[in-house]
């Protein structure tokens, strides 16, 4: 017979681990930089293929940062 709170403990532990990683200076700095890069690209406009490449690079950087929170490995 399974315990009703057994699964909750696993989920909350994972949530705390992800929150701890998200609050690290390295993660916050990189995420802030990528969001600012995206915002600047959208603010100043996209007028050439180089602008599109910069937008894709900034978006990939942001997605990589978000995906790093989902990894199961402990730091």
PDB file of N, CA and C in Angstrom:
ATOM      1  N   UNK A   1       0.841  -1.177   0.000  1.00  0.00           N
ATOM      2  CA  UNK A   1       0.000   0.000   0.000  1.00  0.00           C
ATOM      3  C   UNK A   1       0.888   1.243   0.000  1.00  0.00           C
ATOM      4  N   UNK A   2       0.669   2.129  -0.926  1.00  0.00           N
ATOM      5  CA  UNK A   2       1.519   3.316  -1.026  1.00  0.00           C
ATOM      6  C   UNK A   2       1.022   4.421  -0.103  1.00  0.00           C
ATOM      7  N   UNK A   3       1.955   5.210   0.332  1.00  0.00           N
ATOM      8  CA  UNK A   3       1.627   6.334   1.206  1.00  0.00           C
ATOM      9  C   UNK A   3       1.212   7.526   0.345  1.00  0.00           C
ATOM     10  N   UNK A   4       0.173   8.252   0.748  1.00  0.00           N
ATOM     11  CA  UNK A   4      -0.268   9.377  -0.070  1.00  0.00           C
ATOM     12  C   UNK A   4       0.747  10.516  -0.133  1.00  0.00           C
ATOM     13  N   UNK A   5       1.570  10.686   0.884  1.00  0.00           N
ATOM     14  CA  UNK A   5       2.522  11.793   0.900  1.00  0.00           C
ATOM     15  C   UNK A   5       3.887  11.412   0.346  1.00  0.00           C
ATOM     16  N   UNK A   6       4.083  10.154  -0.014  1.00  0.00           N
ATOM     17  CA  UNK A   6       5.389   9.714  -0.503  1.00  0.00           C
ATOM     18  C   UNK A   6       5.768  10.453  -1.787  1.00  0.00           C
ATOM     19  N   UNK A   7       4.839  10.584  -2.690  1.00  0.00           N
ATOM     20  CA  UNK A   7       5.124  11.272  -3.953  1.00  0.00           C
ATOM     21  C   UNK A   7       5.321  12.768  -3.737  1.00  0.00           C
ATOM     22  N   UNK A   8       4.589  13.333  -2.810  1.00  0.00           N
ATOM     23  CA  UNK A   8       4.732  14.755  -2.518  1.00  0.00           C
ATOM     24  C   UNK A   8       6.151  15.088  -2.086  1.00  0.00           C
ATOM     25  N   UNK A   9       6.748  14.250  -1.273  1.00  0.00           N
ATOM     26  CA  UNK A   9       8.101  14.500  -0.785  1.00  0.00           C
ATOM     27  C   UNK A   9       9.103  14.562  -1.915  1.00  0.00           C
ATOM     28  N   UNK A  10       8.947  13.685  -2.891  1.00  0.00           N
ATOM     29  CA  UNK A  10       9.853  13.675  -4.034  1.00  0.00           C
ATOM     30  C   UNK A  10       9.668  14.946  -4.852  1.00  0.00           C
ATOM     31  N   UNK A  11       8.427  15.320  -5.087  1.00  0.00           N
ATOM     32  CA  UNK A  11       8.156  16.499  -5.893  1.00  0.00           C
ATOM     33  C   UNK A  11       8.660  17.767  -5.219  1.00  0.00           C
ATOM     34  N   UNK A  12       8.397  17.917  -3.933  1.00  0.00           N
ATOM     35  CA  UNK A  12       8.823  19.138  -3.258  1.00  0.00           C
ATOM     36  C   UNK A  12      10.338  19.209  -3.162  1.00  0.00           C
ATOM     37  N   UNK A  13      11.010  18.062  -3.018  1.00  0.00           N
ATOM     38  CA  UNK A  13      12.468  18.057  -2.988  1.00  0.00           C
ATOM     39  C   UNK A  13      13.046  18.503  -4.313  1.00  0.00           C
ATOM     40  N   UNK A  14      12.442  18.051  -5.393  1.00  0.00           N
ATOM     41  CA  UNK A  14      12.889  18.454  -6.720  1.00  0.00           C
ATOM     42  C   UNK A  14      12.639  19.939  -6.933  1.00  0.00           C
ATOM     43  N   UNK A  15      11.497  20.418  -6.484  1.00  0.00           N
ATOM     44  CA  UNK A  15      11.176  21.836  -6.616  1.00  0.00           C
ATOM     45  C   UNK A  15      12.159  22.711  -5.867  1.00  0.00           C
ATOM     46  N   UNK A  16      12.542  22.268  -4.668  1.00  0.00           N
ATOM     47  CA  UNK A  16      13.520  23.033  -3.892  1.00  0.00           C
ATOM     48  C   UNK A  16      14.866  23.043  -4.592  1.00  0.00           C
ATOM     49  N   UNK A  17      15.236  21.910  -5.177  1.00  0.00           N
ATOM     50  CA  UNK A  17      16.514  21.826  -5.885  1.00  0.00           C
ATOM     51  C   UNK A  17      16.526  22.767  -7.090  1.00  0.00           C
ATOM     52  N   UNK A  18      15.436  22.801  -7.825  1.00  0.00           N
ATOM     53  CA  UNK A  18      15.349  23.690  -8.984  1.00  0.00           C
ATOM     54  C   UNK A  18      15.359  25.146  -8.549  1.00  0.00           C
ATOM     55  N   UNK A  19      14.664  25.452  -7.461  1.00  0.00           N
ATOM     56  CA  UNK A  19      14.650  26.820  -6.964  1.00  0.00           C
ATOM     57  C   UNK A  19      16.037  27.234  -6.496  1.00  0.00           C
ATOM     58  N   UNK A  20      16.732  26.320  -5.837  1.00  0.00           N
ATOM     59  CA  UNK A  20      18.091  26.626  -5.379  1.00  0.00           C
ATOM     60  C   UNK A  20      19.006  26.916  -6.566  1.00  0.00           C
ATOM     61  N   UNK A  21      18.869  26.140  -7.639  1.00  0.00           N
ATOM     62  CA  UNK A  21      19.683  26.388  -8.842  1.00  0.00           C
ATOM     63  C   UNK A  21      19.309  27.709  -9.499  1.00  0.00           C
ATOM     64  N   UNK A  22      18.011  28.021  -9.528  1.00  0.00           N
ATOM     65  CA  UNK A  22      17.552  29.255 -10.169  1.00  0.00           C
ATOM     66  C   UNK A  22      17.993  30.494  -9.401  1.00  0.00           C
ATOM     67  N   UNK A  23      18.234  30.352  -8.121  1.00  0.00           N
ATOM     68  CA  UNK A  23      18.644  31.495  -7.314  1.00  0.00           C
ATOM     69  C   UNK A  23      20.155  31.678  -7.253  1.00  0.00           C
ATOM     70  N   UNK A  24      20.890  30.824  -7.935  1.00  0.00           N
ATOM     71  CA  UNK A  24      22.350  30.982  -7.973  1.00  0.00           C
ATOM     72  C   UNK A  24      22.713  32.172  -8.853  1.00  0.00           C
ATOM     73  N   UNK A  25      23.775  32.862  -8.468  1.00  0.00           N
ATOM     74  CA  UNK A  25      24.204  34.067  -9.186  1.00  0.00           C
ATOM     75  C   UNK A  25      24.498  33.756 -10.651  1.00  0.00           C
ATOM     76  N   UNK A  26      25.119  32.617 -10.925  1.00  0.00           N
ATOM     77  CA  UNK A  26      25.470  32.268 -12.303  1.00  0.00           C
ATOM     78  C   UNK A  26      24.223  32.149 -13.174  1.00  0.00           C
ATOM     79  N   UNK A  27      23.215  31.454 -12.653  1.00  0.00           N
ATOM     80  CA  UNK A  27      22.003  31.238 -13.438  1.00  0.00           C
ATOM     81  C   UNK A  27      21.242  32.550 -13.610  1.00  0.00           C
ATOM     82  N   UNK A  28      21.107  33.301 -12.527  1.00  0.00           N
ATOM     83  CA  UNK A  28      20.390  34.575 -12.606  1.00  0.00           C
ATOM     84  C   UNK A  28      21.084  35.548 -13.556  1.00  0.00           C
ATOM     85  N   UNK A  29      22.399  35.603 -13.496  1.00  0.00           N
ATOM     86  CA  UNK A  29      23.144  36.512 -14.364  1.00  0.00           C
ATOM     87  C   UNK A  29      22.990  36.172 -15.831  1.00  0.00           C
ATOM     88  N   UNK A  30      23.128  34.896 -16.156  1.00  0.00           N
ATOM     89  CA  UNK A  30      23.014  34.488 -17.557  1.00  0.00           C
ATOM     90  C   UNK A  30      21.590  34.659 -18.076  1.00  0.00           C
ATOM     91  N   UNK A  31      20.616  34.341 -17.244  1.00  0.00           N
ATOM     92  CA  UNK A  31      19.226  34.477 -17.667  1.00  0.00           C
ATOM     93  C   UNK A  31      18.862  35.945 -17.859  1.00  0.00           C
ATOM     94  N   UNK A  32      19.298  36.790 -16.938  1.00  0.00           N
ATOM     95  CA  UNK A  32      19.045  38.225 -17.070  1.00  0.00           C
ATOM     96  C   UNK A  32      19.703  38.780 -18.328  1.00  0.00           C
ATOM     97  N   UNK A  33      20.935  38.372 -18.587  1.00  0.00           N
ATOM     98  CA  UNK A  33      21.642  38.849 -19.781  1.00  0.00           C
ATOM     99  C   UNK A  33      20.922  38.424 -21.059  1.00  0.00           C
ATOM    100  N   UNK A  34      20.459  37.181 -21.116  1.00  0.00           N
ATOM    101  CA  UNK A  34      19.787  36.721 -22.333  1.00  0.00           C
ATOM    102  C   UNK A  34      18.442  37.417 -22.524  1.00  0.00           C
ATOM    103  N   UNK A  35      17.713  37.654 -21.430  1.00  0.00           N
ATOM    104  CA  UNK A  35      16.431  38.359 -21.536  1.00  0.00           C
ATOM    105  C   UNK A  35      16.657  39.806 -21.985  1.00  0.00           C
ATOM    106  N   UNK A  36      17.683  40.455 -21.442  1.00  0.00           N
ATOM    107  CA  UNK A  36      18.001  41.829 -21.859  1.00  0.00           C
ATOM    108  C   UNK A  36      18.412  41.875 -23.328  1.00  0.00           C
ATOM    109  N   UNK A  37      19.154  40.880 -23.773  1.00  0.00           N
ATOM    110  CA  UNK A  37      19.568  40.815 -25.170  1.00  0.00           C
ATOM    111  C   UNK A  37      18.343  40.689 -26.078  1.00  0.00           C
ATOM    112  N   UNK A  38      17.422  39.811 -25.701  1.00  0.00           N
ATOM    113  CA  UNK A  38      16.188  39.648 -26.480  1.00  0.00           C
ATOM    114  C   UNK A  38      15.396  40.951 -26.484  1.00  0.00           C
ATOM    115  N   UNK A  39      15.266  41.577 -25.316  1.00  0.00           N
ATOM    116  CA  UNK A  39      14.507  42.829 -25.220  1.00  0.00           C
ATOM    117  C   UNK A  39      15.127  43.925 -26.077  1.00  0.00           C
ATOM    118  N   UNK A  40      16.449  44.013 -26.082  1.00  0.00           N
ATOM    119  CA  UNK A  40      17.096  45.050 -26.899  1.00  0.00           C
ATOM    120  C   UNK A  40      16.886  44.790 -28.385  1.00  0.00           C
ATOM    121  N   UNK A  41      16.915  43.526 -28.775  1.00  0.00           N
ATOM    122  CA  UNK A  41      16.681  43.201 -30.184  1.00  0.00           C
ATOM    123  C   UNK A  41      15.263  43.583 -30.597  1.00  0.00           C
ATOM    124  N   UNK A  42      14.299  43.323 -29.731  1.00  0.00           N
ATOM    125  CA  UNK A  42      12.912  43.645 -30.058  1.00  0.00           C
ATOM    126  C   UNK A  42      12.657  45.148 -29.987  1.00  0.00           C
ATOM    127  N   UNK A  43      13.350  45.837 -29.085  1.00  0.00           N
ATOM    128  CA  UNK A  43      13.174  47.284 -28.940  1.00  0.00           C
ATOM    129  C   UNK A  43      13.726  48.045 -30.139  1.00  0.00           C
ATOM    130  N   UNK A  44      14.932  47.686 -30.561  1.00  0.00           N
ATOM    131  CA  UNK A  44      15.577  48.417 -31.654  1.00  0.00           C
ATOM    132  C   UNK A  44      15.161  47.917 -33.026  1.00  0.00           C
ATOM    133  N   UNK A  45      14.480  46.802 -33.072  1.00  0.00           N
ATOM    134  CA  UNK A  45      13.962  46.302 -34.336  1.00  0.00           C
ATOM    135  C   UNK A  45      14.894  45.319 -35.021  1.00  0.00           C
ATOM    136  N   UNK A  46      14.290  44.546 -35.881  1.00  0.00           N
ATOM    137  CA  UNK A  46      15.021  43.530 -36.628  1.00  0.00           C
ATOM    138  C   UNK A  46      14.980  43.949 -38.092  1.00  0.00           C
ATOM    139  N   UNK A  47      16.137  44.379 -38.588  1.00  0.00           N
ATOM    140  CA  UNK A  47      16.162  44.918 -39.949  1.00  0.00           C
ATOM    141  C   UNK A  47      17.088  44.157 -40.889  1.00  0.00           C
ATOM    142  N   UNK A  48      17.835  43.198 -40.365  1.00  0.00           N
ATOM    143  CA  UNK A  48      18.744  42.451 -41.239  1.00  0.00           C
ATOM    144  C   UNK A  48      18.835  41.007 -40.766  1.00  0.00           C
ATOM    145  N   UNK A  49      19.490  40.191 -41.579  1.00  0.00           N
ATOM    146  CA  UNK A  49      19.637  38.779 -41.204  1.00  0.00           C
ATOM    147  C   UNK A  49      20.509  38.631 -39.959  1.00  0.00           C
ATOM    148  N   UNK A  50      21.457  39.537 -39.763  1.00  0.00           N
ATOM    149  CA  UNK A  50      22.280  39.496 -38.559  1.00  0.00           C
ATOM    150  C   UNK A  50      21.463  39.722 -37.295  1.00  0.00           C
ATOM    151  N   UNK A  51      20.442  40.569 -37.401  1.00  0.00           N
ATOM    152  CA  UNK A  51      19.555  40.805 -36.259  1.00  0.00           C
ATOM    153  C   UNK A  51      18.778  39.545 -35.906  1.00  0.00           C
ATOM    154  N   UNK A  52      18.322  38.829 -36.939  1.00  0.00           N
ATOM    155  CA  UNK A  52      17.613  37.576 -36.693  1.00  0.00           C
ATOM    156  C   UNK A  52      18.536  36.554 -36.028  1.00  0.00           C
ATOM    157  N   UNK A  53      19.774  36.499 -36.490  1.00  0.00           N
ATOM    158  CA  UNK A  53      20.730  35.564 -35.884  1.00  0.00           C
ATOM    159  C   UNK A  53      20.970  35.901 -34.413  1.00  0.00           C
ATOM    160  N   UNK A  54      21.074  37.191 -34.105  1.00  0.00           N
ATOM    161  CA  UNK A  54      21.250  37.589 -32.711  1.00  0.00           C
ATOM    162  C   UNK A  54      20.034  37.211 -31.872  1.00  0.00           C
ATOM    163  N   UNK A  55      18.844  37.404 -32.427  1.00  0.00           N
ATOM    164  CA  UNK A  55      17.625  37.044 -31.701  1.00  0.00           C
ATOM    165  C   UNK A  55      17.563  35.541 -31.455  1.00  0.00           C
ATOM    166  N   UNK A  56      17.920  34.745 -32.452  1.00  0.00           N
ATOM    167  CA  UNK A  56      17.936  33.290 -32.279  1.00  0.00           C
ATOM    168  C   UNK A  56      18.985  32.866 -31.260  1.00  0.00           C
ATOM    169  N   UNK A  57      20.146  33.502 -31.286  1.00  0.00           N
ATOM    170  CA  UNK A  57      21.202  33.167 -30.327  1.00  0.00           C
ATOM    171  C   UNK A  57      20.768  33.490 -28.900  1.00  0.00           C
ATOM    172  N   UNK A  58      20.175  34.659 -28.715  1.00  0.00           N
ATOM    173  CA  UNK A  58      19.711  35.045 -27.381  1.00  0.00           C
ATOM    174  C   UNK A  58      18.599  34.120 -26.901  1.00  0.00           C
ATOM    175  N   UNK A  59      17.715  33.735 -27.808  1.00  0.00           N
ATOM    176  CA  UNK A  59      16.621  32.828 -27.446  1.00  0.00           C
ATOM    177  C   UNK A  59      17.148  31.442 -27.095  1.00  0.00           C
ATOM    178  N   UNK A  60      18.126  30.968 -27.847  1.00  0.00           N
ATOM    179  CA  UNK A  60      18.728  29.663 -27.550  1.00  0.00           C
ATOM    180  C   UNK A  60      19.431  29.691 -26.200  1.00  0.00           C
ATOM    181  N   UNK A  61      20.095  30.783 -25.900  1.00  0.00           N
ATOM    182  CA  UNK A  61      20.772  30.942 -24.614  1.00  0.00           C
ATOM    183  C   UNK A  61      19.754  30.891 -23.476  1.00  0.00           C
ATOM    184  N   UNK A  62      18.624  31.595 -23.634  1.00  0.00           N
ATOM    185  CA  UNK A  62      17.577  31.584 -22.616  1.00  0.00           C
ATOM    186  C   UNK A  62      16.987  30.186 -22.452  1.00  0.00           C
ATOM    187  N   UNK A  63      16.710  29.507 -23.556  1.00  0.00           N
ATOM    188  CA  UNK A  63      16.160  28.148 -23.476  1.00  0.00           C
ATOM    189  C   UNK A  63      17.136  27.182 -22.811  1.00  0.00           C
ATOM    190  N   UNK A  64      18.418  27.336 -23.093  1.00  0.00           N
ATOM    191  CA  UNK A  64      19.420  26.479 -22.456  1.00  0.00           C
ATOM    192  C   UNK A  64      19.462  26.714 -20.952  1.00  0.00           C
ATOM    193  N   UNK A  65      19.321  27.964 -20.538  1.00  0.00           N
ATOM    194  CA  UNK A  65      19.296  28.258 -19.107  1.00  0.00           C
ATOM    195  C   UNK A  65      18.074  27.644 -18.437  1.00  0.00           C
ATOM    196  N   UNK A  66      16.932  27.743 -19.086  1.00  0.00           N
ATOM    197  CA  UNK A  66      15.708  27.168 -18.526  1.00  0.00           C
ATOM    198  C   UNK A  66      15.811  25.649 -18.492  1.00  0.00           C
ATOM    199  N   UNK A  67      16.348  25.057 -19.548  1.00  0.00           N
ATOM    200  CA  UNK A  67      16.495  23.598 -19.598  1.00  0.00           C
ATOM    201  C   UNK A  67      17.458  23.098 -18.533  1.00  0.00           C
ATOM    202  N   UNK A  68      18.433  23.913 -18.165  1.00  0.00           N
ATOM    203  CA  UNK A  68      19.391  23.474 -17.144  1.00  0.00           C
ATOM    204  C   UNK A  68      18.721  23.278 -15.791  1.00  0.00           C
ATOM    205  N   UNK A  69      17.604  23.931 -15.561  1.00  0.00           N
ATOM    206  CA  UNK A  69      16.867  23.731 -14.313  1.00  0.00           C
ATOM    207  C   UNK A  69      16.168  22.379 -14.285  1.00  0.00           C
ATOM    208  N   UNK A  70      15.851  21.852 -15.454  1.00  0.00           N
ATOM    209  CA  UNK A  70      15.096  20.608 -15.539  1.00  0.00           C
ATOM    210  C   UNK A  70      15.968  19.362 -15.428  1.00  0.00           C
ATOM    211  N   UNK A  71      17.274  19.530 -15.473  1.00  0.00           N
ATOM    212  CA  UNK A  71      18.147  18.360 -15.393  1.00  0.00           C
ATOM    213  C   UNK A  71      18.068  17.735 -14.015  1.00  0.00           C
ATOM    214  N   UNK A  72      18.197  16.437 -13.966  1.00  0.00           N
ATOM    215  CA  UNK A  72      18.076  15.703 -12.708  1.00  0.00           C
ATOM    216  C   UNK A  72      19.380  15.650 -11.934  1.00  0.00           C
ATOM    217  N   UNK A  73      20.471  16.071 -12.552  1.00  0.00           N
ATOM    218  CA  UNK A  73      21.768  16.005 -11.884  1.00  0.00           C
ATOM    219  C   UNK A  73      21.853  17.031 -10.767  1.00  0.00           C
ATOM    220  N   UNK A  74      22.439  16.637  -9.674  1.00  0.00           N
ATOM    221  CA  UNK A  74      22.673  17.567  -8.566  1.00  0.00           C
ATOM    222  C   UNK A  74      24.007  18.261  -8.777  1.00  0.00           C
ATOM    223  N   UNK A  75      24.056  19.520  -8.395  1.00  0.00           N
ATOM    224  CA  UNK A  75      25.311  20.273  -8.531  1.00  0.00           C
ATOM    225  C   UNK A  75      26.296  19.889  -7.461  1.00  0.00           C
TER     226      UNK A  75
END
